[in-house]
Amino acid sequence: MKAVEIEAKSIDEAIEKACRELGQPREKLNIEILSEGSSGILGLGAKKARIRASLLSLDAEFQASLGKGPGKEAKNSREAAPEEVREAAGKEPRIEATKEAEPDGPAAGRAREFLEGLLAKMGLDFPVDVEEDEETITLKITGDGSGILIGKSGQTLDAIQYIVNKAHGQGGRDRKRIVLDTEEYRGRREEYLVSLAEKLAEKVKRTKKPVTVSYMSARDRRIIHLALKGDESLVTKSRGEGSYRKIVILPARRGDKH
């Protein structure tokens, strides 16, 4: 697996450079922060931020099966992902839902078949259950060892979810958001983030100083925002660039709104 070390003025800028160099979106990369860098004093003694970036392991194995490396993907990898999945499968995913999938609705059935085919191509024989509401299709991967799909902070699960959503989005009018879960990870992650938000909120109230939570996905940032939304003494803001941004919790001032 190709890994690159990148230096830049900030972590966010380094991540953006890594995405360009590897030709991958942020959610398909594993990012290791080697040094957060510092601005120094009046510009003196400033140190650059440094990261190590590599393709998520499952994506690397998947691309290897196609005879491709990270640098050989199409320039627009976000658009290329669904074609690669279909190429690996050798054919388009079946459009009609199977009889077993009919109670979930045609779109849910197609999404489940696509995911099961993708997992099979990765050598992972895990069954997929479906839950559906008006806005979301939840695909729950079960079976011994399915936790290997989670990855660090859910990065691997998010990457597979991204691919399934891209393929599902090309299916016509019914474009419900698809959420992947395994071993109840999404629920456990949400409980952890809500608990973290409450602890940091107490710290901000006690010290009267802002607290920064480093580099979270949009989903995780939203959980933090919602957990503290009803507290009028606090304000939460997202800062930075790229797919993974920081969230800041700070004391509210007169006129501040969430």
C-alpha atoms as a PDB file:
ATOM      1  CA  MET A   1       0.000   0.000   0.000  1.00  0.00           C
ATOM      2  CA  LYS A   2       1.411   3.371  -0.985  1.00  0.00           C
ATOM      3  CA  ALA A   3       1.875   5.800   1.887  1.00  0.00           C
ATOM      4  CA  VAL A   4       2.999   9.410   1.554  1.00  0.00           C
ATOM      5  CA  GLU A   5       4.181  11.927   4.106  1.00  0.00           C
ATOM      6  CA  ILE A   6       2.970  15.471   3.546  1.00  0.00           C
ATOM      7  CA  GLU A   7       4.027  18.766   5.121  1.00  0.00           C
ATOM      8  CA  ALA A   8       1.957  21.936   5.015  1.00  0.00           C
ATOM      9  CA  LYS A   9       1.091  25.002   7.070  1.00  0.00           C
ATOM     10  CA  SER A  10      -1.856  23.203   8.676  1.00  0.00           C
ATOM     11  CA  ILE A  11      -3.279  19.693   9.048  1.00  0.00           C
ATOM     12  CA  ASP A  12      -6.224  20.601   6.819  1.00  0.00           C
ATOM     13  CA  GLU A  13      -3.934  21.791   4.037  1.00  0.00           C
ATOM     14  CA  ALA A  14      -1.791  18.665   4.376  1.00  0.00           C
ATOM     15  CA  ILE A  15      -4.871  16.450   4.049  1.00  0.00           C
ATOM     16  CA  GLU A  16      -5.980  18.313   0.924  1.00  0.00           C
ATOM     17  CA  LYS A  17      -2.492  17.820  -0.595  1.00  0.00           C
ATOM     18  CA  ALA A  18      -2.593  14.115   0.269  1.00  0.00           C
ATOM     19  CA  CYS A  19      -5.985  13.746  -1.446  1.00  0.00           C
ATOM     20  CA  ARG A  20      -4.579  15.355  -4.602  1.00  0.00           C
ATOM     21  CA  GLU A  21      -1.367  13.308  -4.582  1.00  0.00           C
ATOM     22  CA  LEU A  22      -3.112   9.969  -4.038  1.00  0.00           C
ATOM     23  CA  GLY A  23      -6.055  10.857  -6.262  1.00  0.00           C
ATOM     24  CA  GLN A  24      -8.570   9.901  -3.575  1.00  0.00           C
ATOM     25  CA  PRO A  25     -11.334  11.624  -1.564  1.00  0.00           C
ATOM     26  CA  ARG A  26     -10.705  12.106   2.166  1.00  0.00           C
ATOM     27  CA  GLU A  27     -13.100   9.355   3.254  1.00  0.00           C
ATOM     28  CA  LYS A  28     -11.026   6.716   1.410  1.00  0.00           C
ATOM     29  CA  LEU A  29      -7.753   7.643   3.122  1.00  0.00           C
ATOM     30  CA  ASN A  30      -6.231   6.677   6.437  1.00  0.00           C
ATOM     31  CA  ILE A  31      -4.631   9.801   7.943  1.00  0.00           C
ATOM     32  CA  GLU A  32      -1.974   9.618  10.655  1.00  0.00           C
ATOM     33  CA  ILE A  33      -1.025  12.956  12.203  1.00  0.00           C
ATOM     34  CA  LEU A  34       2.734  13.010  12.769  1.00  0.00           C
ATOM     35  CA  SER A  35       3.002  16.621  13.876  1.00  0.00           C
ATOM     36  CA  GLU A  36       0.322  19.281  14.279  1.00  0.00           C
ATOM     37  CA  GLY A  37       2.850  22.052  13.712  1.00  0.00           C
ATOM     38  CA  SER A  38       2.913  25.463  15.344  1.00  0.00           C
ATOM     39  CA  SER A  39       2.793  29.083  14.262  1.00  0.00           C
ATOM     40  CA  GLY A  40       5.672  30.132  16.505  1.00  0.00           C
ATOM     41  CA  ILE A  41       5.959  33.600  17.984  1.00  0.00           C
ATOM     42  CA  LEU A  42       5.545  36.435  15.480  1.00  0.00           C
ATOM     43  CA  GLY A  43       6.348  33.888  12.792  1.00  0.00           C
ATOM     44  CA  LEU A  44       9.611  32.823  14.389  1.00  0.00           C
ATOM     45  CA  GLY A  45      10.116  29.163  15.159  1.00  0.00           C
ATOM     46  CA  ALA A  46       7.084  28.116  13.136  1.00  0.00           C
ATOM     47  CA  LYS A  47       6.840  24.408  12.368  1.00  0.00           C
ATOM     48  CA  LYS A  48       4.879  22.801   9.575  1.00  0.00           C
ATOM     49  CA  ALA A  49       2.185  20.216  10.174  1.00  0.00           C
ATOM     50  CA  ARG A  50       3.074  16.732   8.940  1.00  0.00           C
ATOM     51  CA  ILE A  51       0.846  13.725   8.189  1.00  0.00           C
ATOM     52  CA  ARG A  52       1.195  10.239   6.738  1.00  0.00           C
ATOM     53  CA  ALA A  53      -1.598   9.263   4.350  1.00  0.00           C
ATOM     54  CA  SER A  54      -2.433   5.902   2.806  1.00  0.00           C
ATOM     55  CA  LEU A  55      -5.412   4.229   1.172  1.00  0.00           C
ATOM     56  CA  LEU A  56      -7.765   2.461   3.581  1.00  0.00           C
ATOM     57  CA  SER A  57      -6.832  -1.215   3.676  1.00  0.00           C
ATOM     58  CA  LEU A  58     -10.070  -2.560   2.200  1.00  0.00           C
ATOM     59  CA  ASP A  59      -9.917  -0.070  -0.667  1.00  0.00           C
ATOM     60  CA  ALA A  60      -6.297  -1.048  -1.348  1.00  0.00           C
ATOM     61  CA  GLU A  61      -7.188  -4.752  -1.482  1.00  0.00           C
ATOM     62  CA  PHE A  62     -10.194  -4.007  -3.660  1.00  0.00           C
ATOM     63  CA  GLN A  63      -8.135  -1.978  -6.125  1.00  0.00           C
ATOM     64  CA  ALA A  64      -5.411  -4.641  -6.141  1.00  0.00           C
ATOM     65  CA  SER A  65      -8.026  -7.146  -7.349  1.00  0.00           C
ATOM     66  CA  LEU A  66      -8.660  -4.778 -10.269  1.00  0.00           C
ATOM     67  CA  GLY A  67      -4.950  -4.480 -11.059  1.00  0.00           C
ATOM     68  CA  LYS A  68      -4.924  -0.825 -10.055  1.00  0.00           C
ATOM     69  CA  GLY A  69      -2.947   1.217  -7.587  1.00  0.00           C
ATOM     70  CA  PRO A  70      -3.952   4.461  -5.880  1.00  0.00           C
ATOM     71  CA  GLY A  71      -2.156   6.555  -8.460  1.00  0.00           C
ATOM     72  CA  LYS A  72      -3.847   4.852 -11.398  1.00  0.00           C
ATOM     73  CA  GLU A  73      -7.416   5.716 -10.582  1.00  0.00           C
ATOM     74  CA  ALA A  74      -9.411   8.151 -12.629  1.00  0.00           C
ATOM     75  CA  LYS A  75      -8.751  11.754 -11.730  1.00  0.00           C
ATOM     76  CA  ASN A  76     -12.274  12.193 -10.431  1.00  0.00           C
ATOM     77  CA  SER A  77     -12.273   9.254  -8.004  1.00  0.00           C
ATOM     78  CA  ARG A  78     -15.656  10.209  -6.606  1.00  0.00           C
ATOM     79  CA  GLU A  79     -17.210   9.510  -9.989  1.00  0.00           C
ATOM     80  CA  ALA A  80     -14.997   6.505 -10.687  1.00  0.00           C
ATOM     81  CA  ALA A  81     -15.912   4.514  -7.590  1.00  0.00           C
ATOM     82  CA  PRO A  82     -19.217   3.041  -8.861  1.00  0.00           C
ATOM     83  CA  GLU A  83     -17.693   2.013 -12.229  1.00  0.00           C
ATOM     84  CA  GLU A  84     -14.879   0.191 -10.427  1.00  0.00           C
ATOM     85  CA  VAL A  85     -17.362  -1.676  -8.274  1.00  0.00           C
ATOM     86  CA  ARG A  86     -19.345  -2.746 -11.309  1.00  0.00           C
ATOM     87  CA  GLU A  87     -16.177  -3.747 -13.172  1.00  0.00           C
ATOM     88  CA  ALA A  88     -15.083  -5.861 -10.224  1.00  0.00           C
ATOM     89  CA  ALA A  89     -18.460  -7.569 -10.085  1.00  0.00           C
ATOM     90  CA  GLY A  90     -18.223  -8.298 -13.808  1.00  0.00           C
ATOM     91  CA  LYS A  91     -21.718  -6.972 -14.455  1.00  0.00           C
ATOM     92  CA  GLU A  92     -24.234  -4.354 -13.354  1.00  0.00           C
ATOM     93  CA  PRO A  93     -25.929  -5.073 -10.026  1.00  0.00           C
ATOM     94  CA  ARG A  94     -29.342  -6.665 -10.549  1.00  0.00           C
ATOM     95  CA  ILE A  95     -31.979  -3.969 -10.842  1.00  0.00           C
ATOM     96  CA  GLU A  96     -35.006  -6.027  -9.817  1.00  0.00           C
ATOM     97  CA  ALA A  97     -35.291  -6.887  -6.115  1.00  0.00           C
ATOM     98  CA  THR A  98     -35.385 -10.551  -5.152  1.00  0.00           C
ATOM     99  CA  LYS A  99     -38.502 -11.998  -3.507  1.00  0.00           C
ATOM    100  CA  GLU A 100     -36.701 -11.910  -0.195  1.00  0.00           C
ATOM    101  CA  ALA A 101     -36.029  -8.188  -0.627  1.00  0.00           C
ATOM    102  CA  GLU A 102     -39.541  -7.189  -1.738  1.00  0.00           C
ATOM    103  CA  PRO A 103     -40.850  -6.276   1.782  1.00  0.00           C
ATOM    104  CA  ASP A 104     -38.065  -3.694   2.040  1.00  0.00           C
ATOM    105  CA  GLY A 105     -39.001  -2.036  -1.240  1.00  0.00           C
ATOM    106  CA  PRO A 106     -37.204  -2.162  -4.627  1.00  0.00           C
ATOM    107  CA  ALA A 107     -34.597   0.486  -3.766  1.00  0.00           C
ATOM    108  CA  ALA A 108     -33.689  -1.196  -0.482  1.00  0.00           C
ATOM    109  CA  GLY A 109     -33.470  -4.547  -2.242  1.00  0.00           C
ATOM    110  CA  ARG A 110     -31.129  -3.181  -4.898  1.00  0.00           C
ATOM    111  CA  ALA A 111     -28.952  -1.524  -2.266  1.00  0.00           C
ATOM    112  CA  ARG A 112     -28.699  -4.749  -0.271  1.00  0.00           C
ATOM    113  CA  GLU A 113     -27.839  -6.817  -3.342  1.00  0.00           C
ATOM    114  CA  PHE A 114     -25.186  -4.306  -4.363  1.00  0.00           C
ATOM    115  CA  LEU A 115     -23.585  -4.330  -0.902  1.00  0.00           C
ATOM    116  CA  GLU A 116     -23.671  -8.124  -0.634  1.00  0.00           C
ATOM    117  CA  GLY A 117     -22.018  -8.362  -4.060  1.00  0.00           C
ATOM    118  CA  LEU A 118     -19.365  -5.846  -3.040  1.00  0.00           C
ATOM    119  CA  LEU A 119     -18.620  -7.712   0.197  1.00  0.00           C
ATOM    120  CA  ALA A 120     -18.421 -11.013  -1.679  1.00  0.00           C
ATOM    121  CA  LYS A 121     -15.895  -9.503  -4.083  1.00  0.00           C
ATOM    122  CA  MET A 122     -13.819  -8.529  -1.041  1.00  0.00           C
ATOM    123  CA  GLY A 123     -13.972 -12.112   0.174  1.00  0.00           C
ATOM    124  CA  LEU A 124     -16.366 -11.266   3.018  1.00  0.00           C
ATOM    125  CA  ASP A 125     -19.393 -13.537   3.196  1.00  0.00           C
ATOM    126  CA  PHE A 126     -21.580 -11.523   5.593  1.00  0.00           C
ATOM    127  CA  PRO A 127     -25.399 -11.365   5.384  1.00  0.00           C
ATOM    128  CA  VAL A 128     -27.065  -7.946   5.208  1.00  0.00           C
ATOM    129  CA  ASP A 129     -30.345  -6.994   6.901  1.00  0.00           C
ATOM    130  CA  VAL A 130     -32.402  -3.965   5.843  1.00  0.00           C
ATOM    131  CA  GLU A 131     -34.328  -1.349   7.813  1.00  0.00           C
ATOM    132  CA  GLU A 132     -36.107   1.451   5.948  1.00  0.00           C
ATOM    133  CA  ASP A 133     -37.990   4.605   6.852  1.00  0.00           C
ATOM    134  CA  GLU A 134     -39.165   7.626   4.870  1.00  0.00           C
ATOM    135  CA  GLU A 135     -35.679   9.131   4.534  1.00  0.00           C
ATOM    136  CA  THR A 136     -33.112   6.401   5.126  1.00  0.00           C
ATOM    137  CA  ILE A 137     -32.216   2.848   4.157  1.00  0.00           C
ATOM    138  CA  THR A 138     -30.098   1.218   6.865  1.00  0.00           C
ATOM    139  CA  LEU A 139     -28.038  -1.813   5.825  1.00  0.00           C
ATOM    140  CA  LYS A 140     -26.872  -3.857   8.808  1.00  0.00           C
ATOM    141  CA  ILE A 141     -23.967  -6.202   8.159  1.00  0.00           C
ATOM    142  CA  THR A 142     -23.947  -9.204  10.499  1.00  0.00           C
ATOM    143  CA  GLY A 143     -21.761 -12.248  11.110  1.00  0.00           C
ATOM    144  CA  ASP A 144     -18.666 -13.237  13.048  1.00  0.00           C
ATOM    145  CA  GLY A 145     -15.803 -10.865  12.317  1.00  0.00           C
ATOM    146  CA  SER A 146     -17.923  -8.199  10.642  1.00  0.00           C
ATOM    147  CA  GLY A 147     -16.273  -5.666  12.968  1.00  0.00           C
ATOM    148  CA  ILE A 148     -13.244  -5.621  10.646  1.00  0.00           C
ATOM    149  CA  LEU A 149     -15.364  -3.376   8.426  1.00  0.00           C
ATOM    150  CA  ILE A 150     -15.438  -0.559  10.988  1.00  0.00           C
ATOM    151  CA  GLY A 151     -11.849   0.682  10.835  1.00  0.00           C
ATOM    152  CA  LYS A 152     -10.378   3.534  12.851  1.00  0.00           C
ATOM    153  CA  SER A 153     -13.189   5.891  13.965  1.00  0.00           C
ATOM    154  CA  GLY A 154     -15.465   4.175  11.445  1.00  0.00           C
ATOM    155  CA  GLN A 155     -13.374   5.229   8.421  1.00  0.00           C
ATOM    156  CA  THR A 156     -13.607   1.880   6.611  1.00  0.00           C
ATOM    157  CA  LEU A 157     -17.355   1.612   7.177  1.00  0.00           C
ATOM    158  CA  ASP A 158     -17.778   5.188   5.948  1.00  0.00           C
ATOM    159  CA  ALA A 159     -15.748   4.443   2.803  1.00  0.00           C
ATOM    160  CA  ILE A 160     -17.915   1.438   1.890  1.00  0.00           C
ATOM    161  CA  GLN A 161     -21.039   3.473   2.692  1.00  0.00           C
ATOM    162  CA  TYR A 162     -19.796   6.171   0.311  1.00  0.00           C
ATOM    163  CA  ILE A 163     -19.406   3.662  -2.540  1.00  0.00           C
ATOM    164  CA  VAL A 164     -22.870   2.172  -1.971  1.00  0.00           C
ATOM    165  CA  ASN A 165     -24.476   5.636  -1.856  1.00  0.00           C
ATOM    166  CA  LYS A 166     -22.737   6.651  -5.096  1.00  0.00           C
ATOM    167  CA  ALA A 167     -23.981   3.532  -6.881  1.00  0.00           C
ATOM    168  CA  HIS A 168     -27.470   3.879  -5.381  1.00  0.00           C
ATOM    169  CA  GLY A 169     -27.630   7.548  -6.446  1.00  0.00           C
ATOM    170  CA  GLN A 170     -27.460   6.520 -10.093  1.00  0.00           C
ATOM    171  CA  GLY A 171     -30.556   4.346  -9.777  1.00  0.00           C
ATOM    172  CA  GLY A 172     -33.269   6.882 -10.644  1.00  0.00           C
ATOM    173  CA  ARG A 173     -35.913   8.748  -8.672  1.00  0.00           C
ATOM    174  CA  ASP A 174     -35.712   6.904  -5.344  1.00  0.00           C
ATOM    175  CA  ARG A 175     -32.548   8.263  -3.737  1.00  0.00           C
ATOM    176  CA  LYS A 176     -32.883   7.707  -0.043  1.00  0.00           C
ATOM    177  CA  ARG A 177     -29.716   8.088   2.012  1.00  0.00           C
ATOM    178  CA  ILE A 178     -28.068   4.767   2.781  1.00  0.00           C
ATOM    179  CA  VAL A 179     -26.442   4.136   6.165  1.00  0.00           C
ATOM    180  CA  LEU A 180     -24.200   1.125   6.795  1.00  0.00           C
ATOM    181  CA  ASP A 181     -23.887  -0.374  10.259  1.00  0.00           C
ATOM    182  CA  THR A 182     -22.305  -3.441  11.823  1.00  0.00           C
ATOM    183  CA  GLU A 183     -22.180  -4.685  15.404  1.00  0.00           C
ATOM    184  CA  GLU A 184     -24.305  -1.670  16.449  1.00  0.00           C
ATOM    185  CA  TYR A 185     -21.302   0.594  15.808  1.00  0.00           C
ATOM    186  CA  ARG A 186     -23.321   3.669  14.791  1.00  0.00           C
ATOM    187  CA  GLY A 187     -25.312   3.636  18.027  1.00  0.00           C
ATOM    188  CA  ARG A 188     -22.238   3.076  20.198  1.00  0.00           C
ATOM    189  CA  ARG A 189     -20.374   5.857  18.395  1.00  0.00           C
ATOM    190  CA  GLU A 190     -23.267   8.274  18.906  1.00  0.00           C
ATOM    191  CA  GLU A 191     -23.449   7.463  22.635  1.00  0.00           C
ATOM    192  CA  TYR A 192     -19.708   8.092  22.961  1.00  0.00           C
ATOM    193  CA  LEU A 193     -19.879  11.415  21.121  1.00  0.00           C
ATOM    194  CA  VAL A 194     -22.854  12.651  23.160  1.00  0.00           C
ATOM    195  CA  SER A 195     -20.992  11.761  26.367  1.00  0.00           C
ATOM    196  CA  LEU A 196     -17.869  13.519  25.067  1.00  0.00           C
ATOM    197  CA  ALA A 197     -19.892  16.621  24.154  1.00  0.00           C
ATOM    198  CA  GLU A 198     -21.388  16.803  27.654  1.00  0.00           C
ATOM    199  CA  LYS A 199     -17.977  16.482  29.348  1.00  0.00           C
ATOM    200  CA  LEU A 200     -16.413  19.141  27.129  1.00  0.00           C
ATOM    201  CA  ALA A 201     -19.411  21.417  27.667  1.00  0.00           C
ATOM    202  CA  GLU A 202     -18.856  21.260  31.419  1.00  0.00           C
ATOM    203  CA  LYS A 203     -15.187  22.097  30.916  1.00  0.00           C
ATOM    204  CA  VAL A 204     -16.061  25.147  28.797  1.00  0.00           C
ATOM    205  CA  LYS A 205     -18.536  26.367  31.415  1.00  0.00           C
ATOM    206  CA  ARG A 206     -16.010  25.856  34.203  1.00  0.00           C
ATOM    207  CA  THR A 207     -13.011  27.496  32.504  1.00  0.00           C
ATOM    208  CA  LYS A 208     -14.906  30.025  30.335  1.00  0.00           C
ATOM    209  CA  LYS A 209     -12.515  29.069  27.523  1.00  0.00           C
ATOM    210  CA  PRO A 210     -13.182  27.456  24.114  1.00  0.00           C
ATOM    211  CA  VAL A 211     -12.388  23.783  23.575  1.00  0.00           C
ATOM    212  CA  THR A 212     -11.493  22.332  20.160  1.00  0.00           C
ATOM    213  CA  VAL A 213     -12.342  18.775  19.180  1.00  0.00           C
ATOM    214  CA  SER A 214      -9.987  17.761  16.393  1.00  0.00           C
ATOM    215  CA  TYR A 215     -10.928  16.322  12.985  1.00  0.00           C
ATOM    216  CA  MET A 216     -14.317  14.701  12.783  1.00  0.00           C
ATOM    217  CA  SER A 217     -16.492  13.531   9.926  1.00  0.00           C
ATOM    218  CA  ALA A 218     -19.594  15.563   9.055  1.00  0.00           C
ATOM    219  CA  ARG A 219     -21.783  12.907  10.720  1.00  0.00           C
ATOM    220  CA  ASP A 220     -19.808  13.067  13.986  1.00  0.00           C
ATOM    221  CA  ARG A 221     -19.767  16.878  14.001  1.00  0.00           C
ATOM    222  CA  ARG A 222     -23.538  16.902  13.555  1.00  0.00           C
ATOM    223  CA  ILE A 223     -23.962  14.657  16.612  1.00  0.00           C
ATOM    224  CA  ILE A 224     -21.872  17.073  18.712  1.00  0.00           C
ATOM    225  CA  HIS A 225     -23.833  20.081  17.429  1.00  0.00           C
ATOM    226  CA  LEU A 226     -27.194  18.461  18.176  1.00  0.00           C
ATOM    227  CA  ALA A 227     -26.105  17.244  21.616  1.00  0.00           C
ATOM    228  CA  LEU A 228     -25.370  20.830  22.709  1.00  0.00           C
ATOM    229  CA  LYS A 229     -27.973  22.653  20.641  1.00  0.00           C
ATOM    230  CA  GLY A 230     -30.334  23.236  23.574  1.00  0.00           C
ATOM    231  CA  ASP A 231     -27.661  24.731  25.856  1.00  0.00           C
ATOM    232  CA  GLU A 232     -28.006  28.508  25.488  1.00  0.00           C
ATOM    233  CA  SER A 233     -24.771  29.114  27.406  1.00  0.00           C
ATOM    234  CA  LEU A 234     -22.701  27.469  24.648  1.00  0.00           C
ATOM    235  CA  VAL A 235     -22.040  27.824  20.926  1.00  0.00           C
ATOM    236  CA  THR A 236     -20.667  25.098  18.642  1.00  0.00           C
ATOM    237  CA  LYS A 237     -18.926  25.885  15.363  1.00  0.00           C
ATOM    238  CA  SER A 238     -17.108  23.898  12.678  1.00  0.00           C
ATOM    239  CA  ARG A 239     -13.800  25.265  11.458  1.00  0.00           C
ATOM    240  CA  GLY A 240     -11.248  24.266   8.853  1.00  0.00           C
ATOM    241  CA  GLU A 241     -11.387  22.905   5.333  1.00  0.00           C
ATOM    242  CA  GLY A 242     -11.915  19.529   3.749  1.00  0.00           C
ATOM    243  CA  SER A 243     -14.079  16.532   4.574  1.00  0.00           C
ATOM    244  CA  TYR A 244     -12.745  16.312   8.126  1.00  0.00           C
ATOM    245  CA  ARG A 245     -12.999  19.567  10.061  1.00  0.00           C
ATOM    246  CA  LYS A 246     -12.592  20.629  13.665  1.00  0.00           C
ATOM    247  CA  ILE A 247     -15.482  21.472  15.947  1.00  0.00           C
ATOM    248  CA  VAL A 248     -15.151  24.244  18.533  1.00  0.00           C
ATOM    249  CA  ILE A 249     -17.247  24.567  21.685  1.00  0.00           C
ATOM    250  CA  LEU A 250     -17.159  28.041  23.217  1.00  0.00           C
ATOM    251  CA  PRO A 251     -19.061  30.176  25.711  1.00  0.00           C
ATOM    252  CA  ALA A 252     -22.010  32.003  24.175  1.00  0.00           C
ATOM    253  CA  ARG A 253     -21.991  35.762  23.963  1.00  0.00           C
ATOM    254  CA  ARG A 254     -25.005  38.028  23.727  1.00  0.00           C
ATOM    255  CA  GLY A 255     -26.481  37.685  20.270  1.00  0.00           C
ATOM    256  CA  ASP A 256     -24.799  34.329  19.542  1.00  0.00           C
ATOM    257  CA  LYS A 257     -26.978  31.611  18.029  1.00  0.00           C
ATOM    258  CA  HIS A 258     -26.356  27.925  17.400  1.00  0.00           C
END
